[in-house]
C-alpha atoms as a PDB file:
ATOM      1  CA  MET A   1     -42.881 178.291  10.651  1.00  0.00           C
ATOM      2  CA  SER A   2     -45.269 178.905   7.790  1.00  0.00           C
ATOM      3  CA  ARG A   3     -47.319 182.018   7.201  1.00  0.00           C
ATOM      4  CA  ILE A   4     -50.442 179.866   7.008  1.00  0.00           C
ATOM      5  CA  THR A   5     -51.571 178.186  10.203  1.00  0.00           C
ATOM      6  CA  PRO A   6     -51.635 174.387   9.883  1.00  0.00           C
ATOM      7  CA  LEU A   7     -55.037 172.748  10.242  1.00  0.00           C
ATOM      8  CA  SER A   8     -55.183 171.002  13.629  1.00  0.00           C
ATOM      9  CA  ASP A   9     -56.432 167.451  14.126  1.00  0.00           C
ATOM     10  CA  GLU A  10     -59.364 168.807  16.113  1.00  0.00           C
ATOM     11  CA  ARG A  11     -60.579 171.036  13.258  1.00  0.00           C
ATOM     12  CA  ALA A  12     -59.877 168.510  10.484  1.00  0.00           C
ATOM     13  CA  SER A  13     -62.583 166.543   8.692  1.00  0.00           C
ATOM     14  CA  ASP A  14     -62.720 162.755   8.978  1.00  0.00           C
ATOM     15  CA  GLU A  15     -61.044 162.456   5.557  1.00  0.00           C
ATOM     16  CA  VAL A  16     -58.169 164.710   6.601  1.00  0.00           C
ATOM     17  CA  GLN A  17     -57.808 162.938   9.952  1.00  0.00           C
ATOM     18  CA  ARG A  18     -57.421 159.591   8.145  1.00  0.00           C
ATOM     19  CA  VAL A  19     -54.678 161.054   5.948  1.00  0.00           C
ATOM     20  CA  TYR A  20     -53.004 162.630   8.990  1.00  0.00           C
ATOM     21  CA  ALA A  21     -52.994 159.255  10.776  1.00  0.00           C
ATOM     22  CA  TYR A  22     -51.491 157.485   7.753  1.00  0.00           C
ATOM     23  CA  VAL A  23     -48.796 160.116   7.245  1.00  0.00           C
ATOM     24  CA  LYS A  24     -47.878 160.150  10.954  1.00  0.00           C
ATOM     25  CA  GLU A  25     -47.608 156.370  10.950  1.00  0.00           C
ATOM     26  CA  ARG A  26     -45.473 156.330   7.797  1.00  0.00           C
ATOM     27  CA  TYR A  27     -43.128 159.234   8.610  1.00  0.00           C
ATOM     28  CA  GLY A  28     -43.336 159.536  12.384  1.00  0.00           C
ATOM     29  CA  LYS A  29     -44.663 163.088  12.233  1.00  0.00           C
ATOM     30  CA  LEU A  30     -46.988 165.299  10.253  1.00  0.00           C
ATOM     31  CA  PRO A  31     -45.082 167.338   7.650  1.00  0.00           C
ATOM     32  CA  LEU A  32     -46.041 171.001   7.532  1.00  0.00           C
ATOM     33  CA  PRO A  33     -47.069 170.950   3.833  1.00  0.00           C
ATOM     34  CA  VAL A  34     -49.718 168.339   4.622  1.00  0.00           C
ATOM     35  CA  SER A  35     -51.307 170.239   7.512  1.00  0.00           C
ATOM     36  CA  VAL A  36     -51.122 173.597   5.733  1.00  0.00           C
ATOM     37  CA  SER A  37     -52.666 172.314   2.503  1.00  0.00           C
ATOM     38  CA  ALA A  38     -55.479 170.743   4.549  1.00  0.00           C
ATOM     39  CA  ASN A  39     -56.916 174.241   5.050  1.00  0.00           C
ATOM     40  CA  HIS A  40     -58.283 174.050   1.502  1.00  0.00           C
ATOM     41  CA  PRO A  41     -60.026 170.747   0.632  1.00  0.00           C
ATOM     42  CA  GLU A  42     -59.400 170.923  -3.131  1.00  0.00           C
ATOM     43  CA  VAL A  43     -55.726 171.795  -2.716  1.00  0.00           C
ATOM     44  CA  PHE A  44     -55.386 169.070  -0.078  1.00  0.00           C
ATOM     45  CA  ARG A  45     -56.902 166.388  -2.325  1.00  0.00           C
ATOM     46  CA  ALA A  46     -54.704 167.452  -5.236  1.00  0.00           C
ATOM     47  CA  TYR A  47     -51.559 167.487  -3.073  1.00  0.00           C
ATOM     48  CA  ILE A  48     -52.273 164.099  -1.498  1.00  0.00           C
ATOM     49  CA  GLY A  49     -53.162 162.664  -4.902  1.00  0.00           C
ATOM     50  CA  TYR A  50     -49.885 163.915  -6.341  1.00  0.00           C
ATOM     51  CA  GLU A  51     -47.860 162.512  -3.444  1.00  0.00           C
ATOM     52  CA  SER A  52     -49.653 159.160  -3.722  1.00  0.00           C
ATOM     53  CA  LEU A  53     -48.858 158.896  -7.419  1.00  0.00           C
ATOM     54  CA  ILE A  54     -45.197 159.749  -6.841  1.00  0.00           C
ATOM     55  CA  VAL A  55     -44.943 156.964  -4.262  1.00  0.00           C
ATOM     56  CA  GLN A  56     -46.591 154.505  -6.676  1.00  0.00           C
ATOM     57  CA  ALA A  57     -44.445 155.451  -9.690  1.00  0.00           C
ATOM     58  CA  ARG A  58     -42.401 152.425 -10.750  1.00  0.00           C
ATOM     59  CA  ARG A  59     -41.095 153.190 -14.266  1.00  0.00           C
ATOM     60  CA  LEU A  60     -38.042 155.099 -13.092  1.00  0.00           C
ATOM     61  CA  ASP A  61     -35.154 153.259 -11.455  1.00  0.00           C
ATOM     62  CA  LYS A  62     -35.467 153.484  -7.660  1.00  0.00           C
ATOM     63  CA  LYS A  63     -31.989 154.990  -7.292  1.00  0.00           C
ATOM     64  CA  LEU A  64     -32.565 157.660  -9.923  1.00  0.00           C
ATOM     65  CA  LYS A  65     -35.958 158.501  -8.433  1.00  0.00           C
ATOM     66  CA  ALA A  66     -34.382 158.910  -4.978  1.00  0.00           C
ATOM     67  CA  LEU A  67     -31.598 161.137  -6.311  1.00  0.00           C
ATOM     68  CA  ALA A  68     -34.098 163.288  -8.212  1.00  0.00           C
ATOM     69  CA  SER A  69     -36.151 163.630  -5.040  1.00  0.00           C
ATOM     70  CA  VAL A  70     -33.157 164.951  -3.093  1.00  0.00           C
ATOM     71  CA  LYS A  71     -32.210 167.348  -5.904  1.00  0.00           C
ATOM     72  CA  VAL A  72     -35.722 168.816  -6.076  1.00  0.00           C
ATOM     73  CA  ALA A  73     -35.829 169.123  -2.285  1.00  0.00           C
ATOM     74  CA  ALA A  74     -32.497 170.958  -2.317  1.00  0.00           C
ATOM     75  CA  LEU A  75     -33.662 173.303  -5.079  1.00  0.00           C
ATOM     76  CA  ASN A  76     -36.850 174.039  -3.123  1.00  0.00           C
ATOM     77  CA  GLY A  77     -34.939 174.418   0.141  1.00  0.00           C
ATOM     78  CA  CYS A  78     -37.265 172.100   2.063  1.00  0.00           C
ATOM     79  CA  PRO A  79     -35.361 170.614   5.046  1.00  0.00           C
ATOM     80  CA  PHE A  80     -37.993 167.933   5.690  1.00  0.00           C
ATOM     81  CA  CYS A  81     -37.970 166.891   2.018  1.00  0.00           C
ATOM     82  CA  ILE A  82     -34.163 166.751   2.020  1.00  0.00           C
ATOM     83  CA  ASP A  83     -34.241 164.461   5.075  1.00  0.00           C
ATOM     84  CA  LEU A  84     -36.925 162.296   3.509  1.00  0.00           C
ATOM     85  CA  GLY A  85     -35.079 162.153   0.175  1.00  0.00           C
ATOM     86  CA  SER A  86     -31.822 161.281   1.909  1.00  0.00           C
ATOM     87  CA  ALA A  87     -33.554 158.368   3.636  1.00  0.00           C
ATOM     88  CA  GLU A  88     -34.891 157.221   0.247  1.00  0.00           C
ATOM     89  CA  VAL A  89     -31.342 157.350  -1.166  1.00  0.00           C
ATOM     90  CA  ARG A  90     -30.095 155.166   1.709  1.00  0.00           C
ATOM     91  CA  ASP A  91     -33.052 152.794   1.261  1.00  0.00           C
ATOM     92  CA  ALA A  92     -32.137 152.506  -2.429  1.00  0.00           C
ATOM     93  CA  GLY A  93     -28.701 151.226  -1.369  1.00  0.00           C
ATOM     94  CA  MET A  94     -26.611 154.335  -1.970  1.00  0.00           C
ATOM     95  CA  SER A  95     -24.433 156.244   0.447  1.00  0.00           C
ATOM     96  CA  ALA A  96     -24.329 159.958   1.155  1.00  0.00           C
ATOM     97  CA  ARG A  97     -21.246 160.202  -1.062  1.00  0.00           C
ATOM     98  CA  VAL A  98     -23.445 159.778  -4.131  1.00  0.00           C
ATOM     99  CA  MET A  99     -25.400 162.862  -3.242  1.00  0.00           C
END
């Protein structure tokens, strides 16, 4: 659990609710960093903008990008990010042995 209370759907602006809906549809749940950052509109927009650009990045090989994602998640100690990165590694056609 985080020290900062996540922003609930009920208290979220229309903009934040649209992002929440998209993220829930894409990942099946709302990651804590999204709902916590939503407490501050400028931080939220910057965070979502950053995440959107990472998803759109195409210059780096998909496999290398997936491996880098898992490494950063492991260094940060984010269990959700590790799970997400591991799924990206599998989607890129690699097995867990590579990690």
